[in-house]
PDB file of N, CA and C in Angstrom:
ATOM      1  N   MET A   1      22.316  88.672 144.623  1.00  0.00           N
ATOM      2  CA  MET A   1      23.789  89.069 145.052  1.00  0.00           C
ATOM      3  C   MET A   1      23.104  90.700 145.584  1.00  0.00           C
ATOM      4  N   SER A   2      23.870  91.488 146.488  1.00  0.00           N
ATOM      5  CA  SER A   2      23.240  92.511 147.409  1.00  0.00           C
ATOM      6  C   SER A   2      24.216  93.754 145.590  1.00  0.00           C
ATOM      7  N   SER A   3      23.332  94.925 146.313  1.00  0.00           N
ATOM      8  CA  SER A   3      23.311  96.344 145.294  1.00  0.00           C
ATOM      9  C   SER A   3      25.222  96.932 145.393  1.00  0.00           C
ATOM     10  N   PHE A   4      25.732  95.680 147.022  1.00  0.00           N
ATOM     11  CA  PHE A   4      27.477  96.479 147.267  1.00  0.00           C
ATOM     12  C   PHE A   4      27.828  96.211 146.231  1.00  0.00           C
ATOM     13  N   THR A   5      27.619  94.723 146.287  1.00  0.00           N
ATOM     14  CA  THR A   5      28.843  93.956 145.050  1.00  0.00           C
ATOM     15  C   THR A   5      28.760  94.128 143.649  1.00  0.00           C
ATOM     16  N   TYR A   6      27.376  94.699 143.552  1.00  0.00           N
ATOM     17  CA  TYR A   6      27.375  95.411 141.899  1.00  0.00           C
ATOM     18  C   TYR A   6      28.291  96.541 142.128  1.00  0.00           C
ATOM     19  N   ARG A   7      27.792  97.634 143.198  1.00  0.00           N
ATOM     20  CA  ARG A   7      28.841  98.542 142.656  1.00  0.00           C
ATOM     21  C   ARG A   7      30.097  98.867 142.434  1.00  0.00           C
ATOM     22  N   LEU A   8      30.964  97.356 143.324  1.00  0.00           N
ATOM     23  CA  LEU A   8      32.080  97.270 143.787  1.00  0.00           C
ATOM     24  C   LEU A   8      32.459  96.801 142.734  1.00  0.00           C
ATOM     25  N   GLY A   9      31.559  96.040 142.079  1.00  0.00           N
ATOM     26  CA  GLY A   9      32.046  95.455 140.351  1.00  0.00           C
ATOM     27  C   GLY A   9      32.003  96.387 139.295  1.00  0.00           C
ATOM     28  N   TYR A  10      31.354  97.620 139.778  1.00  0.00           N
ATOM     29  CA  TYR A  10      31.191  98.967 138.355  1.00  0.00           C
ATOM     30  C   TYR A  10      32.450  99.619 138.463  1.00  0.00           C
ATOM     31  N   TYR A  11      32.896 100.277 140.050  1.00  0.00           N
ATOM     32  CA  TYR A  11      34.149 100.522 140.707  1.00  0.00           C
ATOM     33  C   TYR A  11      35.295 100.023 140.131  1.00  0.00           C
ATOM     34  N   LEU A  12      35.499  98.813 140.610  1.00  0.00           N
ATOM     35  CA  LEU A  12      36.790  98.062 139.963  1.00  0.00           C
ATOM     36  C   LEU A  12      37.057  98.137 138.412  1.00  0.00           C
ATOM     37  N   PHE A  13      35.615  98.074 137.717  1.00  0.00           N
ATOM     38  CA  PHE A  13      35.931  97.702 136.542  1.00  0.00           C
ATOM     39  C   PHE A  13      36.497  98.744 135.787  1.00  0.00           C
ATOM     40  N   GLY A  14      35.508 100.016 136.299  1.00  0.00           N
ATOM     41  CA  GLY A  14      36.333 101.458 135.730  1.00  0.00           C
ATOM     42  C   GLY A  14      37.426 102.155 135.916  1.00  0.00           C
ATOM     43  N   VAL A  15      37.889 101.642 137.181  1.00  0.00           N
ATOM     44  CA  VAL A  15      39.249 102.049 137.346  1.00  0.00           C
ATOM     45  C   VAL A  15      40.424 100.873 136.803  1.00  0.00           C
ATOM     46  N   LEU A  16      39.852  99.627 136.815  1.00  0.00           N
ATOM     47  CA  LEU A  16      40.712  99.141 135.666  1.00  0.00           C
ATOM     48  C   LEU A  16      41.286  99.623 134.497  1.00  0.00           C
ATOM     49  N   GLY A  17      39.715 100.438 133.813  1.00  0.00           N
ATOM     50  CA  GLY A  17      40.012 100.243 132.465  1.00  0.00           C
ATOM     51  C   GLY A  17      40.483 101.728 132.259  1.00  0.00           C
ATOM     52  N   GLY A  18      40.186 102.695 133.357  1.00  0.00           N
ATOM     53  CA  GLY A  18      40.638 103.938 133.286  1.00  0.00           C
ATOM     54  C   GLY A  18      42.440 104.256 133.426  1.00  0.00           C
ATOM     55  N   SER A  19      42.729 102.607 134.076  1.00  0.00           N
ATOM     56  CA  SER A  19      44.143 102.904 134.305  1.00  0.00           C
ATOM     57  C   SER A  19      44.878 102.253 133.437  1.00  0.00           C
ATOM     58  N   LEU A  20      43.952 101.387 132.806  1.00  0.00           N
ATOM     59  CA  LEU A  20      44.634 100.842 131.002  1.00  0.00           C
ATOM     60  C   LEU A  20      44.520 101.772 130.174  1.00  0.00           C
ATOM     61  N   ILE A  21      43.692 103.111 130.351  1.00  0.00           N
ATOM     62  CA  ILE A  21      43.690 104.159 128.985  1.00  0.00           C
ATOM     63  C   ILE A  21      45.044 105.284 129.203  1.00  0.00           C
ATOM     64  N   LEU A  22      44.707 105.417 130.887  1.00  0.00           N
ATOM     65  CA  LEU A  22      46.040 105.870 130.870  1.00  0.00           C
ATOM     66  C   LEU A  22      47.434 105.361 130.751  1.00  0.00           C
ATOM     67  N   PHE A  23      47.853 104.656 130.681  1.00  0.00           N
ATOM     68  CA  PHE A  23      49.330 103.678 131.180  1.00  0.00           C
ATOM     69  C   PHE A  23      49.241 103.674 129.756  1.00  0.00           C
ATOM     70  N   PHE A  24      48.132 103.740 128.552  1.00  0.00           N
ATOM     71  CA  PHE A  24      48.875 103.620 127.003  1.00  0.00           C
ATOM     72  C   PHE A  24      48.790 104.944 126.533  1.00  0.00           C
ATOM     73  N   VAL A  25      47.979 105.744 126.793  1.00  0.00           N
ATOM     74  CA  VAL A  25      47.820 107.137 126.460  1.00  0.00           C
ATOM     75  C   VAL A  25      49.544 107.773 126.539  1.00  0.00           C
ATOM     76  N   LEU A  26      49.659 107.386 128.069  1.00  0.00           N
ATOM     77  CA  LEU A  26      50.946 108.407 128.353  1.00  0.00           C
ATOM     78  C   LEU A  26      51.871 107.383 128.529  1.00  0.00           C
ATOM     79  N   GLY A  27      51.953 106.591 128.250  1.00  0.00           N
ATOM     80  CA  GLY A  27      52.822 105.362 128.283  1.00  0.00           C
ATOM     81  C   GLY A  27      53.587 105.716 126.340  1.00  0.00           C
ATOM     82  N   GLN A  28      52.637 106.084 125.418  1.00  0.00           N
ATOM     83  CA  GLN A  28      53.451 106.714 124.335  1.00  0.00           C
ATOM     84  C   GLN A  28      54.348 107.981 124.418  1.00  0.00           C
ATOM     85  N   LYS A  29      54.085 108.777 125.358  1.00  0.00           N
ATOM     86  CA  LYS A  29      54.756 110.037 124.970  1.00  0.00           C
ATOM     87  C   LYS A  29      55.679 109.830 126.174  1.00  0.00           C
ATOM     88  N   LYS A  30      57.345 109.853 125.505  1.00  0.00           N
ATOM     89  CA  LYS A  30      58.035 109.698 126.229  1.00  0.00           C
ATOM     90  C   LYS A  30      58.822 110.416 127.631  1.00  0.00           C
ATOM     91  N   MET A  31      57.782 110.826 128.320  1.00  0.00           N
ATOM     92  CA  MET A  31      57.541 111.897 128.969  1.00  0.00           C
ATOM     93  C   MET A  31      58.873 111.582 130.824  1.00  0.00           C
ATOM     94  N   ARG A  32      59.667 112.700 131.352  1.00  0.00           N
ATOM     95  CA  ARG A  32      60.047 112.378 132.151  1.00  0.00           C
ATOM     96  C   ARG A  32      59.955 113.235 133.038  1.00  0.00           C
ATOM     97  N   CYS A  33      59.528 112.943 134.462  1.00  0.00           N
ATOM     98  CA  CYS A  33      59.258 113.806 135.650  1.00  0.00           C
ATOM     99  C   CYS A  33      60.929 113.912 136.361  1.00  0.00           C
ATOM    100  N   SER A  34      60.822 114.568 136.346  1.00  0.00           N
ATOM    101  CA  SER A  34      62.411 115.172 137.319  1.00  0.00           C
ATOM    102  C   SER A  34      62.276 116.475 137.975  1.00  0.00           C
ATOM    103  N   TYR A  35      61.943 116.421 138.997  1.00  0.00           N
ATOM    104  CA  TYR A  35      61.327 117.826 139.718  1.00  0.00           C
ATOM    105  C   TYR A  35      63.019 118.111 140.491  1.00  0.00           C
ATOM    106  N   PHE A  36      63.917 117.444 140.964  1.00  0.00           N
ATOM    107  CA  PHE A  36      65.403 117.428 141.974  1.00  0.00           C
ATOM    108  C   PHE A  36      66.278 118.456 140.793  1.00  0.00           C
ATOM    109  N   PRO A  37      66.681 118.939 141.404  1.00  0.00           N
ATOM    110  CA  PRO A  37      67.729 120.479 141.099  1.00  0.00           C
ATOM    111  C   PRO A  37      68.902 119.268 139.954  1.00  0.00           C
ATOM    112  N   ASN A  38      69.054 118.444 140.599  1.00  0.00           N
ATOM    113  CA  ASN A  38      70.424 117.494 139.939  1.00  0.00           C
ATOM    114  C   ASN A  38      69.655 116.690 138.770  1.00  0.00           C
ATOM    115  N   ASP A  39      68.285 116.130 138.979  1.00  0.00           N
ATOM    116  CA  ASP A  39      68.475 115.809 137.569  1.00  0.00           C
ATOM    117  C   ASP A  39      67.665 116.742 136.391  1.00  0.00           C
ATOM    118  N   ARG A  40      67.230 118.163 136.842  1.00  0.00           N
ATOM    119  CA  ARG A  40      66.773 118.756 135.834  1.00  0.00           C
ATOM    120  C   ARG A  40      67.998 119.136 135.436  1.00  0.00           C
ATOM    121  N   VAL A  41      68.926 119.332 135.830  1.00  0.00           N
ATOM    122  CA  VAL A  41      70.446 119.986 135.431  1.00  0.00           C
ATOM    123  C   VAL A  41      71.152 119.414 134.685  1.00  0.00           C
ATOM    124  N   LEU A  42      70.796 117.676 134.736  1.00  0.00           N
ATOM    125  CA  LEU A  42      71.660 116.554 134.054  1.00  0.00           C
ATOM    126  C   LEU A  42      70.529 116.483 132.268  1.00  0.00           C
ATOM    127  N   ASN A  43      69.438 116.354 132.400  1.00  0.00           N
ATOM    128  CA  ASN A  43      68.041 116.355 131.842  1.00  0.00           C
ATOM    129  C   ASN A  43      68.637 117.296 130.461  1.00  0.00           C
ATOM    130  N   ASN A  44      68.924 118.983 131.634  1.00  0.00           N
ATOM    131  CA  ASN A  44      68.877 120.242 130.773  1.00  0.00           C
ATOM    132  C   ASN A  44      69.865 119.776 129.595  1.00  0.00           C
ATOM    133  N   ILE A  45      71.200 119.195 130.183  1.00  0.00           N
ATOM    134  CA  ILE A  45      72.792 119.366 129.462  1.00  0.00           C
ATOM    135  C   ILE A  45      72.349 118.242 128.651  1.00  0.00           C
ATOM    136  N   LYS A  46      72.171 117.251 128.681  1.00  0.00           N
ATOM    137  CA  LYS A  46      71.597 116.036 127.748  1.00  0.00           C
ATOM    138  C   LYS A  46      70.662 116.311 126.706  1.00  0.00           C
ATOM    139  N   SER A  47      69.980 117.304 126.869  1.00  0.00           N
ATOM    140  CA  SER A  47      68.398 117.861 125.501  1.00  0.00           C
ATOM    141  C   SER A  47      69.161 118.847 124.592  1.00  0.00           C
ATOM    142  N   LYS A  48      70.834 119.236 124.827  1.00  0.00           N
ATOM    143  CA  LYS A  48      71.203 120.017 123.773  1.00  0.00           C
ATOM    144  C   LYS A  48      72.435 119.553 122.903  1.00  0.00           C
ATOM    145  N   PRO A  49      72.725 119.948 122.075  1.00  0.00           N
ATOM    146  CA  PRO A  49      73.626 119.646 121.005  1.00  0.00           C
ATOM    147  C   PRO A  49      75.072 119.399 122.307  1.00  0.00           C
ATOM    148  N   PHE A  50      75.944 118.447 122.035  1.00  0.00           N
ATOM    149  CA  PHE A  50      76.815 118.559 122.747  1.00  0.00           C
ATOM    150  C   PHE A  50      78.363 118.676 122.509  1.00  0.00           C
ATOM    151  N   GLY A  51      79.519 119.091 122.684  1.00  0.00           N
ATOM    152  CA  GLY A  51      80.970 119.603 121.867  1.00  0.00           C
ATOM    153  C   GLY A  51      81.779 119.144 123.025  1.00  0.00           C
ATOM    154  N   TYR A  52      82.965 119.325 122.442  1.00  0.00           N
ATOM    155  CA  TYR A  52      84.170 118.719 123.242  1.00  0.00           C
ATOM    156  C   TYR A  52      85.158 119.557 122.754  1.00  0.00           C
ATOM    157  N   SER A  53      85.666 120.332 123.903  1.00  0.00           N
ATOM    158  CA  SER A  53      86.849 121.486 123.837  1.00  0.00           C
ATOM    159  C   SER A  53      88.083 120.429 123.612  1.00  0.00           C
ATOM    160  N   GLU A  54      89.324 121.972 123.184  1.00  0.00           N
ATOM    161  CA  GLU A  54      90.422 120.767 123.074  1.00  0.00           C
ATOM    162  C   GLU A  54      91.109 120.360 124.367  1.00  0.00           C
ATOM    163  N   ASN A  55      91.091 121.011 125.427  1.00  0.00           N
ATOM    164  CA  ASN A  55      91.309 120.096 126.021  1.00  0.00           C
ATOM    165  C   ASN A  55      90.705 118.596 126.638  1.00  0.00           C
ATOM    166  N   ALA A  56      89.400 118.683 126.635  1.00  0.00           N
ATOM    167  CA  ALA A  56      88.538 117.491 127.033  1.00  0.00           C
ATOM    168  C   ALA A  56      88.639 116.243 125.807  1.00  0.00           C
ATOM    169  N   SER A  57      88.988 117.261 124.484  1.00  0.00           N
ATOM    170  CA  SER A  57      89.262 115.813 123.317  1.00  0.00           C
ATOM    171  C   SER A  57      90.615 115.130 123.832  1.00  0.00           C
ATOM    172  N   LYS A  58      91.671 115.978 123.842  1.00  0.00           N
ATOM    173  CA  LYS A  58      93.184 115.334 124.473  1.00  0.00           C
ATOM    174  C   LYS A  58      93.029 114.208 125.384  1.00  0.00           C
ATOM    175  N   LYS A  59      92.471 114.336 126.721  1.00  0.00           N
ATOM    176  CA  LYS A  59      91.873 113.425 127.787  1.00  0.00           C
ATOM    177  C   LYS A  59      90.980 112.340 126.903  1.00  0.00           C
ATOM    178  N   LEU A  60      90.286 112.703 126.241  1.00  0.00           N
ATOM    179  CA  LEU A  60      89.412 111.085 125.395  1.00  0.00           C
ATOM    180  C   LEU A  60      90.137 110.238 125.053  1.00  0.00           C
ATOM    181  N   ALA A  61      91.379 111.063 124.143  1.00  0.00           N
ATOM    182  CA  ALA A  61      92.594 110.496 123.488  1.00  0.00           C
ATOM    183  C   ALA A  61      93.246 109.360 124.630  1.00  0.00           C
ATOM    184  N   GLU A  62      93.407 109.609 125.790  1.00  0.00           N
ATOM    185  CA  GLU A  62      93.932 108.609 126.633  1.00  0.00           C
ATOM    186  C   GLU A  62      93.323 107.745 126.882  1.00  0.00           C
ATOM    187  N   ASN A  63      93.571 106.426 127.366  1.00  0.00           N
ATOM    188  CA  ASN A  63      93.214 105.051 127.676  1.00  0.00           C
ATOM    189  C   ASN A  63      92.229 105.289 128.645  1.00  0.00           C
ATOM    190  N   TRP A  64      92.650 105.858 129.441  1.00  0.00           N
ATOM    191  CA  TRP A  64      91.739 106.044 130.681  1.00  0.00           C
ATOM    192  C   TRP A  64      90.272 106.040 130.746  1.00  0.00           C
ATOM    193  N   ILE A  65      89.739 106.609 129.768  1.00  0.00           N
ATOM    194  CA  ILE A  65      88.579 107.621 129.952  1.00  0.00           C
ATOM    195  C   ILE A  65      87.892 107.368 128.321  1.00  0.00           C
ATOM    196  N   ASP A  66      86.630 107.076 128.238  1.00  0.00           N
ATOM    197  CA  ASP A  66      85.639 107.303 126.907  1.00  0.00           C
ATOM    198  C   ASP A  66      84.594 107.632 127.304  1.00  0.00           C
ATOM    199  N   THR A  67      84.195 108.174 126.115  1.00  0.00           N
ATOM    200  CA  THR A  67      82.503 108.921 125.649  1.00  0.00           C
ATOM    201  C   THR A  67      81.549 108.319 126.596  1.00  0.00           C
ATOM    202  N   ILE A  68      81.270 106.922 126.869  1.00  0.00           N
ATOM    203  CA  ILE A  68      81.086 106.213 127.567  1.00  0.00           C
ATOM    204  C   ILE A  68      80.581 106.571 129.057  1.00  0.00           C
ATOM    205  N   ASP A  69      81.864 106.982 129.148  1.00  0.00           N
ATOM    206  CA  ASP A  69      82.044 107.194 130.932  1.00  0.00           C
ATOM    207  C   ASP A  69      81.580 108.389 130.994  1.00  0.00           C
ATOM    208  N   ILE A  70      81.589 109.545 129.662  1.00  0.00           N
ATOM    209  CA  ILE A  70      81.136 110.738 129.661  1.00  0.00           C
ATOM    210  C   ILE A  70      79.227 110.646 129.890  1.00  0.00           C
ATOM    211  N   LYS A  71      79.010 109.809 128.919  1.00  0.00           N
ATOM    212  CA  LYS A  71      77.412 109.453 129.289  1.00  0.00           C
ATOM    213  C   LYS A  71      76.685 109.154 130.499  1.00  0.00           C
ATOM    214  N   ASN A  72      77.698 108.008 131.140  1.00  0.00           N
ATOM    215  CA  ASN A  72      77.222 107.585 132.468  1.00  0.00           C
ATOM    216  C   ASN A  72      77.438 108.638 133.138  1.00  0.00           C
ATOM    217  N   THR A  73      78.443 109.528 133.427  1.00  0.00           N
ATOM    218  CA  THR A  73      78.315 109.879 134.013  1.00  0.00           C
ATOM    219  C   THR A  73      77.369 111.781 134.008  1.00  0.00           C
ATOM    220  N   LEU A  74      77.004 111.717 132.788  1.00  0.00           N
ATOM    221  CA  LEU A  74      75.576 112.577 132.801  1.00  0.00           C
ATOM    222  C   LEU A  74      74.294 112.019 133.177  1.00  0.00           C
ATOM    223  N   THR A  75      74.399 110.760 133.233  1.00  0.00           N
ATOM    224  CA  THR A  75      73.283 110.086 133.554  1.00  0.00           C
ATOM    225  C   THR A  75      73.244 109.866 134.830  1.00  0.00           C
ATOM    226  N   TYR A  76      73.889 109.287 135.639  1.00  0.00           N
ATOM    227  CA  TYR A  76      73.786 108.884 136.702  1.00  0.00           C
ATOM    228  C   TYR A  76      74.857 109.643 137.895  1.00  0.00           C
ATOM    229  N   GLY A  77      75.003 110.711 137.136  1.00  0.00           N
ATOM    230  CA  GLY A  77      76.628 111.483 137.942  1.00  0.00           C
ATOM    231  C   GLY A  77      75.658 112.913 139.226  1.00  0.00           C
ATOM    232  N   ASP A  78      76.701 113.511 139.621  1.00  0.00           N
ATOM    233  CA  ASP A  78      76.199 114.351 140.899  1.00  0.00           C
ATOM    234  C   ASP A  78      76.223 115.536 140.294  1.00  0.00           C
ATOM    235  N   VAL A  79      76.072 116.536 140.747  1.00  0.00           N
ATOM    236  CA  VAL A  79      76.249 118.257 140.355  1.00  0.00           C
ATOM    237  C   VAL A  79      76.678 118.471 141.520  1.00  0.00           C
ATOM    238  N   ASP A  80      78.276 119.023 141.640  1.00  0.00           N
ATOM    239  CA  ASP A  80      78.922 119.636 143.144  1.00  0.00           C
ATOM    240  C   ASP A  80      78.259 121.141 142.906  1.00  0.00           C
ATOM    241  N   PHE A  81      76.919 121.597 143.287  1.00  0.00           N
ATOM    242  CA  PHE A  81      76.145 123.195 143.234  1.00  0.00           C
ATOM    243  C   PHE A  81      76.945 123.678 143.937  1.00  0.00           C
ATOM    244  N   ASP A  82      78.170 123.377 145.105  1.00  0.00           N
ATOM    245  CA  ASP A  82      78.746 124.236 145.650  1.00  0.00           C
ATOM    246  C   ASP A  82      79.777 124.586 144.579  1.00  0.00           C
ATOM    247  N   ARG A  83      80.082 124.393 143.610  1.00  0.00           N
ATOM    248  CA  ARG A  83      81.083 124.829 142.726  1.00  0.00           C
ATOM    249  C   ARG A  83      80.151 124.573 141.357  1.00  0.00           C
ATOM    250  N   SER A  84      79.407 125.065 141.073  1.00  0.00           N
ATOM    251  CA  SER A  84      78.546 124.769 140.276  1.00  0.00           C
ATOM    252  C   SER A  84      77.806 126.292 139.959  1.00  0.00           C
ATOM    253  N   ASN A  85      77.115 126.423 138.512  1.00  0.00           N
ATOM    254  CA  ASN A  85      75.935 127.409 138.503  1.00  0.00           C
ATOM    255  C   ASN A  85      76.540 128.686 138.225  1.00  0.00           C
ATOM    256  N   ILE A  86      77.748 128.813 138.037  1.00  0.00           N
ATOM    257  CA  ILE A  86      78.975 130.364 137.966  1.00  0.00           C
ATOM    258  C   ILE A  86      78.358 130.225 136.788  1.00  0.00           C
ATOM    259  N   LYS A  87      77.924 131.865 136.684  1.00  0.00           N
ATOM    260  CA  LYS A  87      77.936 132.516 135.345  1.00  0.00           C
ATOM    261  C   LYS A  87      79.146 132.671 134.425  1.00  0.00           C
ATOM    262  N   ILE A  88      79.032 132.461 133.617  1.00  0.00           N
ATOM    263  CA  ILE A  88      80.209 132.720 132.161  1.00  0.00           C
ATOM    264  C   ILE A  88      79.587 133.671 131.047  1.00  0.00           C
ATOM    265  N   LYS A  89      80.149 133.673 130.091  1.00  0.00           N
ATOM    266  CA  LYS A  89      79.160 135.307 129.235  1.00  0.00           C
ATOM    267  C   LYS A  89      78.541 135.022 128.876  1.00  0.00           C
ATOM    268  N   ASN A  90      77.894 133.817 128.553  1.00  0.00           N
ATOM    269  CA  ASN A  90      76.258 133.880 127.417  1.00  0.00           C
ATOM    270  C   ASN A  90      75.624 132.202 128.346  1.00  0.00           C
ATOM    271  N   GLY A  91      76.384 131.826 129.542  1.00  0.00           N
ATOM    272  CA  GLY A  91      76.059 130.410 130.127  1.00  0.00           C
ATOM    273  C   GLY A  91      76.573 130.681 131.099  1.00  0.00           C
ATOM    274  N   LYS A  92      76.344 128.935 131.651  1.00  0.00           N
ATOM    275  CA  LYS A  92      76.432 128.515 133.162  1.00  0.00           C
ATOM    276  C   LYS A  92      77.646 127.473 133.267  1.00  0.00           C
ATOM    277  N   LEU A  93      78.440 127.495 134.491  1.00  0.00           N
ATOM    278  CA  LEU A  93      79.386 126.120 134.139  1.00  0.00           C
ATOM    279  C   LEU A  93      79.103 125.341 135.821  1.00  0.00           C
ATOM    280  N   TYR A  94      79.139 123.946 135.091  1.00  0.00           N
ATOM    281  CA  TYR A  94      78.378 123.063 135.999  1.00  0.00           C
ATOM    282  C   TYR A  94      79.719 121.886 136.219  1.00  0.00           C
ATOM    283  N   THR A  95      79.996 121.298 137.301  1.00  0.00           N
ATOM    284  CA  THR A  95      81.053 120.807 137.679  1.00  0.00           C
ATOM    285  C   THR A  95      80.255 119.504 138.338  1.00  0.00           C
ATOM    286  N   ILE A  96      80.219 118.331 137.406  1.00  0.00           N
ATOM    287  CA  ILE A  96      80.061 116.909 138.312  1.00  0.00           C
ATOM    288  C   ILE A  96      80.736 115.905 138.177  1.00  0.00           C
ATOM    289  N   GLU A  97      79.788 115.177 139.547  1.00  0.00           N
ATOM    290  CA  GLU A  97      81.247 114.129 139.409  1.00  0.00           C
ATOM    291  C   GLU A  97      80.436 112.900 139.357  1.00  0.00           C
ATOM    292  N   GLY A  98      81.263 111.922 138.885  1.00  0.00           N
ATOM    293  CA  GLY A  98      81.071 110.877 138.158  1.00  0.00           C
ATOM    294  C   GLY A  98      81.825 109.346 138.655  1.00  0.00           C
ATOM    295  N   LYS A  99      81.610 108.618 137.841  1.00  0.00           N
ATOM    296  CA  LYS A  99      82.913 107.582 137.763  1.00  0.00           C
ATOM    297  C   LYS A  99      82.760 106.943 136.440  1.00  0.00           C
ATOM    298  N   THR A 100      84.170 105.972 136.037  1.00  0.00           N
ATOM    299  CA  THR A 100      84.238 105.268 134.889  1.00  0.00           C
ATOM    300  C   THR A 100      84.041 104.061 134.725  1.00  0.00           C
ATOM    301  N   THR A 101      84.337 103.435 133.705  1.00  0.00           N
ATOM    302  CA  THR A 101      83.119 102.130 133.460  1.00  0.00           C
ATOM    303  C   THR A 101      84.118 101.248 134.514  1.00  0.00           C
ATOM    304  N   LYS A 102      85.381 101.874 134.522  1.00  0.00           N
ATOM    305  CA  LYS A 102      86.470 100.916 135.273  1.00  0.00           C
ATOM    306  C   LYS A 102      86.003 101.410 137.209  1.00  0.00           C
ATOM    307  N   ASN A 103      85.241 102.087 137.054  1.00  0.00           N
ATOM    308  CA  ASN A 103      84.788 102.232 138.787  1.00  0.00           C
ATOM    309  C   ASN A 103      85.683 103.451 139.340  1.00  0.00           C
ATOM    310  N   GLN A 104      86.581 104.108 138.057  1.00  0.00           N
ATOM    311  CA  GLN A 104      87.598 105.368 139.055  1.00  0.00           C
ATOM    312  C   GLN A 104      86.686 106.411 138.877  1.00  0.00           C
ATOM    313  N   PRO A 105      86.947 107.595 140.213  1.00  0.00           N
ATOM    314  CA  PRO A 105      86.326 108.479 140.488  1.00  0.00           C
ATOM    315  C   PRO A 105      86.656 109.437 139.259  1.00  0.00           C
ATOM    316  N   ILE A 106      85.767 110.115 138.764  1.00  0.00           N
ATOM    317  CA  ILE A 106      86.068 111.572 137.400  1.00  0.00           C
ATOM    318  C   ILE A 106      85.116 112.768 138.160  1.00  0.00           C
ATOM    319  N   GLU A 107      85.853 113.942 137.249  1.00  0.00           N
ATOM    320  CA  GLU A 107      84.773 115.242 137.503  1.00  0.00           C
ATOM    321  C   GLU A 107      84.866 115.818 136.114  1.00  0.00           C
ATOM    322  N   ILE A 108      83.711 116.173 135.962  1.00  0.00           N
ATOM    323  CA  ILE A 108      83.818 116.725 134.163  1.00  0.00           C
ATOM    324  C   ILE A 108      82.958 118.162 134.586  1.00  0.00           C
ATOM    325  N   ILE A 109      83.862 119.258 133.571  1.00  0.00           N
ATOM    326  CA  ILE A 109      83.006 120.414 134.220  1.00  0.00           C
ATOM    327  C   ILE A 109      82.548 120.876 132.568  1.00  0.00           C
ATOM    328  N   ILE A 110      81.676 121.355 132.363  1.00  0.00           N
ATOM    329  CA  ILE A 110      80.890 122.028 131.512  1.00  0.00           C
ATOM    330  C   ILE A 110      80.536 122.860 131.502  1.00  0.00           C
ATOM    331  N   GLU A 111      80.348 123.655 129.930  1.00  0.00           N
ATOM    332  CA  GLU A 111      79.675 124.666 130.262  1.00  0.00           C
ATOM    333  C   GLU A 111      78.336 124.710 129.389  1.00  0.00           C
ATOM    334  N   ASN A 112      77.629 125.635 130.344  1.00  0.00           N
ATOM    335  CA  ASN A 112      76.192 125.036 129.863  1.00  0.00           C
ATOM    336  C   ASN A 112      75.568 126.458 129.031  1.00  0.00           C
ATOM    337  N   TYR A 113      75.432 126.456 127.995  1.00  0.00           N
ATOM    338  CA  TYR A 113      74.573 127.284 127.277  1.00  0.00           C
ATOM    339  C   TYR A 113      72.941 127.214 126.962  1.00  0.00           C
ATOM    340  N   GLU A 114      72.992 128.339 126.534  1.00  0.00           N
ATOM    341  CA  GLU A 114      71.059 127.661 125.615  1.00  0.00           C
ATOM    342  C   GLU A 114      71.010 127.046 125.192  1.00  0.00           C
ATOM    343  N   ASN A 115      71.493 126.952 123.799  1.00  0.00           N
ATOM    344  CA  ASN A 115      71.298 126.137 122.718  1.00  0.00           C
ATOM    345  C   ASN A 115      72.896 124.957 122.370  1.00  0.00           C
ATOM    346  N   LYS A 116      73.408 124.975 123.378  1.00  0.00           N
ATOM    347  CA  LYS A 116      74.566 123.633 123.389  1.00  0.00           C
ATOM    348  C   LYS A 116      75.167 123.550 124.733  1.00  0.00           C
ATOM    349  N   ALA A 117      75.904 122.573 124.722  1.00  0.00           N
ATOM    350  CA  ALA A 117      76.847 122.205 125.977  1.00  0.00           C
ATOM    351  C   ALA A 117      78.032 121.845 125.562  1.00  0.00           C
ATOM    352  N   ILE A 118      78.951 121.933 126.359  1.00  0.00           N
ATOM    353  CA  ILE A 118      80.348 122.035 126.173  1.00  0.00           C
ATOM    354  C   ILE A 118      80.996 121.345 126.855  1.00  0.00           C
ATOM    355  N   LEU A 119      81.696 120.004 126.958  1.00  0.00           N
ATOM    356  CA  LEU A 119      82.237 119.646 128.042  1.00  0.00           C
ATOM    357  C   LEU A 119      83.857 120.661 127.795  1.00  0.00           C
ATOM    358  N   LYS A 120      83.875 121.185 129.370  1.00  0.00           N
ATOM    359  CA  LYS A 120      85.503 121.216 129.232  1.00  0.00           C
ATOM    360  C   LYS A 120      86.425 121.405 129.424  1.00  0.00           C
ATOM    361  N   GLU A 121      86.218 120.415 130.799  1.00  0.00           N
ATOM    362  CA  GLU A 121      87.544 119.567 131.003  1.00  0.00           C
ATOM    363  C   GLU A 121      86.900 118.521 131.923  1.00  0.00           C
ATOM    364  N   ILE A 122      88.065 117.611 131.809  1.00  0.00           N
ATOM    365  CA  ILE A 122      87.965 116.066 132.623  1.00  0.00           C
ATOM    366  C   ILE A 122      88.840 116.167 132.912  1.00  0.00           C
ATOM    367  N   ILE A 123      88.474 115.780 135.043  1.00  0.00           N
ATOM    368  CA  ILE A 123      89.543 115.789 135.563  1.00  0.00           C
ATOM    369  C   ILE A 123      89.592 114.230 136.295  1.00  0.00           C
ATOM    370  N   ARG A 124      90.420 113.481 136.167  1.00  0.00           N
ATOM    371  CA  ARG A 124      90.990 111.765 137.225  1.00  0.00           C
ATOM    372  C   ARG A 124      90.881 112.397 138.585  1.00  0.00           C
ATOM    373  N   LYS A 125      90.679 111.509 139.633  1.00  0.00           N
ATOM    374  CA  LYS A 125      90.272 111.849 140.799  1.00  0.00           C
ATOM    375  C   LYS A 125      91.034 110.932 141.664  1.00  0.00           C
TER     376      LYS A 125
END
């Protein structure tokens, strides 16, 4: 065998071994890379203690929406930046568009503070 095949074998063995080590080392850390503004806002809101306003609690008591719909909107929803990032007392106001499990469009308004997030309003569209 030529020296090229030996070198190719060593190279492939090293790449495979290094990839496996990185997979197991970095796979243990539940890391998420979110560079897009929409993902960053949603991850920031989800990482904090979450509360409900009185108005939002009344809407959740109705039959057409559930907390699962809110969680899905916070995971897969779209932040409307034209109507968001509005400064309030000690935080910011965000409008997020999503859908219920019955595929009905909704809009949620969230007050995002430094140490908590509060669902202020739920709007059926």
